[in-house]
Amino acid sequence: MSEFLHAAFDGNLASIERLLADGTASIDERDVNGNSALMMAAAGGWLATVQWLLAVGGASISERKHLGSTALI
């Protein structure tokens, strides 16, 4: 798992902001199963991180992973 997706799963908003700001990561980054940062943060239960990714980070609530599920499912 990339540093960016790991930060999302851990709810580490400071790392997420840094990685996006310095261009090291992209909001569109996915793991091998199609999980995005939004999906990782939601799976980890990190509400503030989910809210930030949606409101500021540019994540989309309608994005789907390979099997069709979203961050809500």
PDB file of N, CA and C in Angstrom:
ATOM      1  N   MET A   1       0.854  -1.170   0.000  1.00  0.00           N
ATOM      2  CA  MET A   1       0.000   0.000   0.000  1.00  0.00           C
ATOM      3  C   MET A   1       0.901   1.235   0.000  1.00  0.00           C
ATOM      4  N   SER A   2       0.509   2.228  -0.768  1.00  0.00           N
ATOM      5  CA  SER A   2       1.299   3.451  -0.855  1.00  0.00           C
ATOM      6  C   SER A   2       1.228   4.251   0.445  1.00  0.00           C
ATOM      7  N   GLU A   3       2.157   5.166   0.614  1.00  0.00           N
ATOM      8  CA  GLU A   3       2.171   6.031   1.798  1.00  0.00           C
ATOM      9  C   GLU A   3       0.873   6.835   1.893  1.00  0.00           C
ATOM     10  N   PHE A   4       0.381   7.303   0.755  1.00  0.00           N
ATOM     11  CA  PHE A   4      -0.843   8.099   0.710  1.00  0.00           C
ATOM     12  C   PHE A   4      -2.052   7.285   1.171  1.00  0.00           C
ATOM     13  N   LEU A   5      -2.223   6.099   0.627  1.00  0.00           N
ATOM     14  CA  LEU A   5      -3.359   5.259   1.010  1.00  0.00           C
ATOM     15  C   LEU A   5      -3.227   4.779   2.451  1.00  0.00           C
ATOM     16  N   HIS A   6      -2.015   4.521   2.875  1.00  0.00           N
ATOM     17  CA  HIS A   6      -1.788   4.137   4.268  1.00  0.00           C
ATOM     18  C   HIS A   6      -2.176   5.287   5.199  1.00  0.00           C
ATOM     19  N   ALA A   7      -1.808   6.512   4.838  1.00  0.00           N
ATOM     20  CA  ALA A   7      -2.172   7.685   5.642  1.00  0.00           C
ATOM     21  C   ALA A   7      -3.691   7.830   5.715  1.00  0.00           C
ATOM     22  N   ALA A   8      -4.371   7.578   4.605  1.00  0.00           N
ATOM     23  CA  ALA A   8      -5.836   7.668   4.594  1.00  0.00           C
ATOM     24  C   ALA A   8      -6.446   6.614   5.504  1.00  0.00           C
ATOM     25  N   PHE A   9      -5.941   5.392   5.439  1.00  0.00           N
ATOM     26  CA  PHE A   9      -6.467   4.319   6.283  1.00  0.00           C
ATOM     27  C   PHE A   9      -6.236   4.609   7.761  1.00  0.00           C
ATOM     28  N   ASP A  10      -5.130   5.297   8.067  1.00  0.00           N
ATOM     29  CA  ASP A  10      -4.812   5.648   9.454  1.00  0.00           C
ATOM     30  C   ASP A  10      -5.447   6.966   9.889  1.00  0.00           C
ATOM     31  N   GLY A  11      -6.118   7.659   8.963  1.00  0.00           N
ATOM     32  CA  GLY A  11      -6.736   8.936   9.302  1.00  0.00           C
ATOM     33  C   GLY A  11      -5.732  10.047   9.520  1.00  0.00           C
ATOM     34  N   ASN A  12      -4.552   9.915   8.942  1.00  0.00           N
ATOM     35  CA  ASN A  12      -3.475  10.881   9.132  1.00  0.00           C
ATOM     36  C   ASN A  12      -3.624  12.032   8.135  1.00  0.00           C
ATOM     37  N   LEU A  13      -4.475  12.973   8.491  1.00  0.00           N
ATOM     38  CA  LEU A  13      -4.808  14.071   7.593  1.00  0.00           C
ATOM     39  C   LEU A  13      -3.603  14.948   7.274  1.00  0.00           C
ATOM     40  N   ALA A  14      -2.713  15.158   8.232  1.00  0.00           N
ATOM     41  CA  ALA A  14      -1.517  15.971   7.983  1.00  0.00           C
ATOM     42  C   ALA A  14      -0.672  15.354   6.868  1.00  0.00           C
ATOM     43  N   SER A  15      -0.498  14.046   6.896  1.00  0.00           N
ATOM     44  CA  SER A  15       0.272  13.362   5.844  1.00  0.00           C
ATOM     45  C   SER A  15      -0.444  13.419   4.500  1.00  0.00           C
ATOM     46  N   ILE A  16      -1.753  13.249   4.517  1.00  0.00           N
ATOM     47  CA  ILE A  16      -2.537  13.315   3.282  1.00  0.00           C
ATOM     48  C   ILE A  16      -2.373  14.687   2.638  1.00  0.00           C
ATOM     49  N   GLU A  17      -2.536  15.739   3.438  1.00  0.00           N
ATOM     50  CA  GLU A  17      -2.397  17.101   2.923  1.00  0.00           C
ATOM     51  C   GLU A  17      -0.997  17.337   2.365  1.00  0.00           C
ATOM     52  N   ARG A  18       0.031  16.891   3.081  1.00  0.00           N
ATOM     53  CA  ARG A  18       1.416  17.069   2.637  1.00  0.00           C
ATOM     54  C   ARG A  18       1.677  16.331   1.328  1.00  0.00           C
ATOM     55  N   LEU A  19       1.246  15.084   1.239  1.00  0.00           N
ATOM     56  CA  LEU A  19       1.507  14.283   0.039  1.00  0.00           C
ATOM     57  C   LEU A  19       0.786  14.850  -1.187  1.00  0.00           C
ATOM     58  N   LEU A  20      -0.417  15.364  -0.997  1.00  0.00           N
ATOM     59  CA  LEU A  20      -1.131  15.980  -2.116  1.00  0.00           C
ATOM     60  C   LEU A  20      -0.505  17.316  -2.494  1.00  0.00           C
ATOM     61  N   ALA A  21      -0.120  18.109  -1.498  1.00  0.00           N
ATOM     62  CA  ALA A  21       0.454  19.435  -1.759  1.00  0.00           C
ATOM     63  C   ALA A  21       1.803  19.354  -2.463  1.00  0.00           C
ATOM     64  N   ASP A  22       2.626  18.376  -2.088  1.00  0.00           N
ATOM     65  CA  ASP A  22       3.954  18.302  -2.712  1.00  0.00           C
ATOM     66  C   ASP A  22       3.956  17.479  -4.002  1.00  0.00           C
ATOM     67  N   GLY A  23       2.784  16.983  -4.410  1.00  0.00           N
ATOM     68  CA  GLY A  23       2.675  16.255  -5.675  1.00  0.00           C
ATOM     69  C   GLY A  23       3.114  14.810  -5.608  1.00  0.00           C
ATOM     70  N   THR A  24       3.412  14.324  -4.412  1.00  0.00           N
ATOM     71  CA  THR A  24       3.831  12.936  -4.247  1.00  0.00           C
ATOM     72  C   THR A  24       2.671  11.973  -4.491  1.00  0.00           C
ATOM     73  N   ALA A  25       1.450  12.435  -4.223  1.00  0.00           N
ATOM     74  CA  ALA A  25       0.262  11.589  -4.365  1.00  0.00           C
ATOM     75  C   ALA A  25      -0.790  12.306  -5.195  1.00  0.00           C
ATOM     76  N   SER A  26      -1.734  11.527  -5.673  1.00  0.00           N
ATOM     77  CA  SER A  26      -2.876  12.046  -6.427  1.00  0.00           C
ATOM     78  C   SER A  26      -4.151  11.572  -5.752  1.00  0.00           C
ATOM     79  N   ILE A  27      -5.161  12.414  -5.730  1.00  0.00           N
ATOM     80  CA  ILE A  27      -6.448  12.029  -5.140  1.00  0.00           C
ATOM     81  C   ILE A  27      -7.041  10.829  -5.866  1.00  0.00           C
ATOM     82  N   ASP A  28      -6.627  10.586  -7.099  1.00  0.00           N
ATOM     83  CA  ASP A  28      -7.139   9.476  -7.905  1.00  0.00           C
ATOM     84  C   ASP A  28      -6.379   8.168  -7.690  1.00  0.00           C
ATOM     85  N   GLU A  29      -5.392   8.165  -6.824  1.00  0.00           N
ATOM     86  CA  GLU A  29      -4.584   6.969  -6.578  1.00  0.00           C
ATOM     87  C   GLU A  29      -5.449   5.827  -6.040  1.00  0.00           C
ATOM     88  N   ARG A  30      -5.162   4.619  -6.505  1.00  0.00           N
ATOM     89  CA  ARG A  30      -5.897   3.412  -6.084  1.00  0.00           C
ATOM     90  C   ARG A  30      -4.910   2.300  -5.757  1.00  0.00           C
ATOM     91  N   ASP A  31      -5.355   1.353  -4.934  1.00  0.00           N
ATOM     92  CA  ASP A  31      -4.551   0.160  -4.701  1.00  0.00           C
ATOM     93  C   ASP A  31      -4.925  -0.901  -5.739  1.00  0.00           C
ATOM     94  N   VAL A  32      -4.365  -2.087  -5.624  1.00  0.00           N
ATOM     95  CA  VAL A  32      -4.601  -3.133  -6.619  1.00  0.00           C
ATOM     96  C   VAL A  32      -6.058  -3.586  -6.682  1.00  0.00           C
ATOM     97  N   ASN A  33      -6.825  -3.345  -5.614  1.00  0.00           N
ATOM     98  CA  ASN A  33      -8.242  -3.712  -5.589  1.00  0.00           C
ATOM     99  C   ASN A  33      -9.159  -2.569  -5.991  1.00  0.00           C
ATOM    100  N   GLY A  34      -8.565  -1.418  -6.303  1.00  0.00           N
ATOM    101  CA  GLY A  34      -9.356  -0.262  -6.710  1.00  0.00           C
ATOM    102  C   GLY A  34      -9.781   0.632  -5.563  1.00  0.00           C
ATOM    103  N   ASN A  35      -9.257   0.397  -4.363  1.00  0.00           N
ATOM    104  CA  ASN A  35      -9.600   1.234  -3.213  1.00  0.00           C
ATOM    105  C   ASN A  35      -8.905   2.587  -3.310  1.00  0.00           C
ATOM    106  N   SER A  36      -9.667   3.641  -3.082  1.00  0.00           N
ATOM    107  CA  SER A  36      -9.134   5.000  -3.090  1.00  0.00           C
ATOM    108  C   SER A  36      -8.858   5.463  -1.656  1.00  0.00           C
ATOM    109  N   ALA A  37      -8.283   6.643  -1.531  1.00  0.00           N
ATOM    110  CA  ALA A  37      -8.048   7.222  -0.203  1.00  0.00           C
ATOM    111  C   ALA A  37      -9.380   7.410   0.530  1.00  0.00           C
ATOM    112  N   LEU A  38     -10.403   7.834  -0.190  1.00  0.00           N
ATOM    113  CA  LEU A  38     -11.720   8.010   0.425  1.00  0.00           C
ATOM    114  C   LEU A  38     -12.231   6.687   0.982  1.00  0.00           C
ATOM    115  N   MET A  39     -12.094   5.628   0.221  1.00  0.00           N
ATOM    116  CA  MET A  39     -12.538   4.313   0.668  1.00  0.00           C
ATOM    117  C   MET A  39     -11.731   3.827   1.865  1.00  0.00           C
ATOM    118  N   MET A  40     -10.430   4.100   1.856  1.00  0.00           N
ATOM    119  CA  MET A  40      -9.571   3.695   2.962  1.00  0.00           C
ATOM    120  C   MET A  40      -9.941   4.443   4.237  1.00  0.00           C
ATOM    121  N   ALA A  41     -10.150   5.750   4.119  1.00  0.00           N
ATOM    122  CA  ALA A  41     -10.517   6.550   5.296  1.00  0.00           C
ATOM    123  C   ALA A  41     -11.876   6.118   5.842  1.00  0.00           C
ATOM    124  N   ALA A  42     -12.814   5.850   4.951  1.00  0.00           N
ATOM    125  CA  ALA A  42     -14.140   5.395   5.392  1.00  0.00           C
ATOM    126  C   ALA A  42     -14.035   4.036   6.076  1.00  0.00           C
ATOM    127  N   ALA A  43     -13.243   3.137   5.525  1.00  0.00           N
ATOM    128  CA  ALA A  43     -13.063   1.814   6.119  1.00  0.00           C
ATOM    129  C   ALA A  43     -12.429   1.909   7.503  1.00  0.00           C
ATOM    130  N   GLY A  44     -11.553   2.886   7.672  1.00  0.00           N
ATOM    131  CA  GLY A  44     -10.910   3.080   8.966  1.00  0.00           C
ATOM    132  C   GLY A  44     -11.767   3.827   9.971  1.00  0.00           C
ATOM    133  N   GLY A  45     -12.902   4.370   9.514  1.00  0.00           N
ATOM    134  CA  GLY A  45     -13.798   5.090  10.407  1.00  0.00           C
ATOM    135  C   GLY A  45     -13.370   6.516  10.699  1.00  0.00           C
ATOM    136  N   TRP A  46     -12.583   7.115   9.826  1.00  0.00           N
ATOM    137  CA  TRP A  46     -12.035   8.453  10.037  1.00  0.00           C
ATOM    138  C   TRP A  46     -12.930   9.518   9.409  1.00  0.00           C
ATOM    139  N   LEU A  47     -13.972   9.915  10.125  1.00  0.00           N
ATOM    140  CA  LEU A  47     -14.965  10.854   9.608  1.00  0.00           C
ATOM    141  C   LEU A  47     -14.344  12.179   9.166  1.00  0.00           C
ATOM    142  N   ALA A  48     -13.480  12.772   9.977  1.00  0.00           N
ATOM    143  CA  ALA A  48     -12.868  14.064   9.617  1.00  0.00           C
ATOM    144  C   ALA A  48     -12.046  13.944   8.340  1.00  0.00           C
ATOM    145  N   THR A  49     -11.349  12.823   8.181  1.00  0.00           N
ATOM    146  CA  THR A  49     -10.552  12.603   6.973  1.00  0.00           C
ATOM    147  C   THR A  49     -11.461  12.421   5.766  1.00  0.00           C
ATOM    148  N   VAL A  50     -12.537  11.673   5.911  1.00  0.00           N
ATOM    149  CA  VAL A  50     -13.517  11.495   4.835  1.00  0.00           C
ATOM    150  C   VAL A  50     -14.091  12.844   4.432  1.00  0.00           C
ATOM    151  N   GLN A  51     -14.486  13.637   5.422  1.00  0.00           N
ATOM    152  CA  GLN A  51     -15.056  14.957   5.132  1.00  0.00           C
ATOM    153  C   GLN A  51     -14.063  15.844   4.402  1.00  0.00           C
ATOM    154  N   TRP A  52     -12.806  15.825   4.824  1.00  0.00           N
ATOM    155  CA  TRP A  52     -11.777  16.646   4.172  1.00  0.00           C
ATOM    156  C   TRP A  52     -11.557  16.181   2.736  1.00  0.00           C
ATOM    157  N   LEU A  53     -11.440  14.877   2.527  1.00  0.00           N
ATOM    158  CA  LEU A  53     -11.219  14.354   1.173  1.00  0.00           C
ATOM    159  C   LEU A  53     -12.342  14.761   0.234  1.00  0.00           C
ATOM    160  N   LEU A  54     -13.569  14.792   0.732  1.00  0.00           N
ATOM    161  CA  LEU A  54     -14.714  15.186  -0.092  1.00  0.00           C
ATOM    162  C   LEU A  54     -14.785  16.703  -0.294  1.00  0.00           C
ATOM    163  N   ALA A  55     -14.605  17.463   0.765  1.00  0.00           N
ATOM    164  CA  ALA A  55     -14.802  18.913   0.706  1.00  0.00           C
ATOM    165  C   ALA A  55     -13.615  19.661   0.129  1.00  0.00           C
ATOM    166  N   VAL A  56     -12.414  19.211   0.433  1.00  0.00           N
ATOM    167  CA  VAL A  56     -11.209  19.947   0.043  1.00  0.00           C
ATOM    168  C   VAL A  56     -10.353  19.168  -0.947  1.00  0.00           C
ATOM    169  N   GLY A  57     -10.242  17.876  -0.716  1.00  0.00           N
ATOM    170  CA  GLY A  57      -9.318  17.057  -1.492  1.00  0.00           C
ATOM    171  C   GLY A  57      -9.759  16.718  -2.900  1.00  0.00           C
ATOM    172  N   GLY A  58     -11.041  16.860  -3.193  1.00  0.00           N
ATOM    173  CA  GLY A  58     -11.528  16.577  -4.534  1.00  0.00           C
ATOM    174  C   GLY A  58     -11.976  15.149  -4.779  1.00  0.00           C
ATOM    175  N   ALA A  59     -12.104  14.364  -3.727  1.00  0.00           N
ATOM    176  CA  ALA A  59     -12.585  12.984  -3.886  1.00  0.00           C
ATOM    177  C   ALA A  59     -14.068  12.999  -4.259  1.00  0.00           C
ATOM    178  N   SER A  60     -14.486  11.931  -4.918  1.00  0.00           N
ATOM    179  CA  SER A  60     -15.885  11.808  -5.338  1.00  0.00           C
ATOM    180  C   SER A  60     -16.560  10.672  -4.594  1.00  0.00           C
ATOM    181  N   ILE A  61     -17.718  10.949  -4.034  1.00  0.00           N
ATOM    182  CA  ILE A  61     -18.471   9.935  -3.299  1.00  0.00           C
ATOM    183  C   ILE A  61     -18.973   8.831  -4.234  1.00  0.00           C
ATOM    184  N   SER A  62     -19.044   9.115  -5.515  1.00  0.00           N
ATOM    185  CA  SER A  62     -19.560   8.127  -6.463  1.00  0.00           C
ATOM    186  C   SER A  62     -18.477   7.232  -7.067  1.00  0.00           C
ATOM    187  N   GLU A  63     -17.208   7.428  -6.688  1.00  0.00           N
ATOM    188  CA  GLU A  63     -16.155   6.572  -7.241  1.00  0.00           C
ATOM    189  C   GLU A  63     -16.372   5.132  -6.794  1.00  0.00           C
ATOM    190  N   ARG A  64     -16.064   4.208  -7.682  1.00  0.00           N
ATOM    191  CA  ARG A  64     -16.272   2.787  -7.415  1.00  0.00           C
ATOM    192  C   ARG A  64     -14.970   2.018  -7.563  1.00  0.00           C
ATOM    193  N   LYS A  65     -14.822   0.981  -6.732  1.00  0.00           N
ATOM    194  CA  LYS A  65     -13.658   0.123  -6.895  1.00  0.00           C
ATOM    195  C   LYS A  65     -13.978  -0.967  -7.914  1.00  0.00           C
ATOM    196  N   HIS A  66     -13.052  -1.852  -8.159  1.00  0.00           N
ATOM    197  CA  HIS A  66     -13.179  -2.843  -9.230  1.00  0.00           C
ATOM    198  C   HIS A  66     -14.467  -3.659  -9.174  1.00  0.00           C
ATOM    199  N   LEU A  67     -14.931  -4.019  -8.002  1.00  0.00           N
ATOM    200  CA  LEU A  67     -16.121  -4.844  -7.884  1.00  0.00           C
ATOM    201  C   LEU A  67     -17.402  -4.030  -7.828  1.00  0.00           C
ATOM    202  N   GLY A  68     -17.288  -2.700  -7.939  1.00  0.00           N
ATOM    203  CA  GLY A  68     -18.456  -1.851  -8.031  1.00  0.00           C
ATOM    204  C   GLY A  68     -18.907  -1.148  -6.773  1.00  0.00           C
ATOM    205  N   SER A  69     -18.310  -1.467  -5.634  1.00  0.00           N
ATOM    206  CA  SER A  69     -18.745  -0.817  -4.393  1.00  0.00           C
ATOM    207  C   SER A  69     -18.133   0.584  -4.268  1.00  0.00           C
ATOM    208  N   THR A  70     -18.776   1.402  -3.449  1.00  0.00           N
ATOM    209  CA  THR A  70     -18.306   2.764  -3.182  1.00  0.00           C
ATOM    210  C   THR A  70     -17.827   2.858  -1.744  1.00  0.00           C
ATOM    211  N   ALA A  71     -17.419   4.056  -1.337  1.00  0.00           N
ATOM    212  CA  ALA A  71     -16.982   4.255   0.042  1.00  0.00           C
ATOM    213  C   ALA A  71     -18.134   4.078   1.024  1.00  0.00           C
ATOM    214  N   LEU A  72     -19.358   4.175   0.541  1.00  0.00           N
ATOM    215  CA  LEU A  72     -20.529   4.036   1.400  1.00  0.00           C
ATOM    216  C   LEU A  72     -20.904   2.590   1.682  1.00  0.00           C
ATOM    217  N   ILE A  73     -20.426   1.684   0.859  1.00  0.00           N
ATOM    218  CA  ILE A  73     -20.823   0.278   0.996  1.00  0.00           C
ATOM    219  C   ILE A  73     -19.715  -0.503   1.679  1.00  0.00           C
TER     220      ILE A  73
END
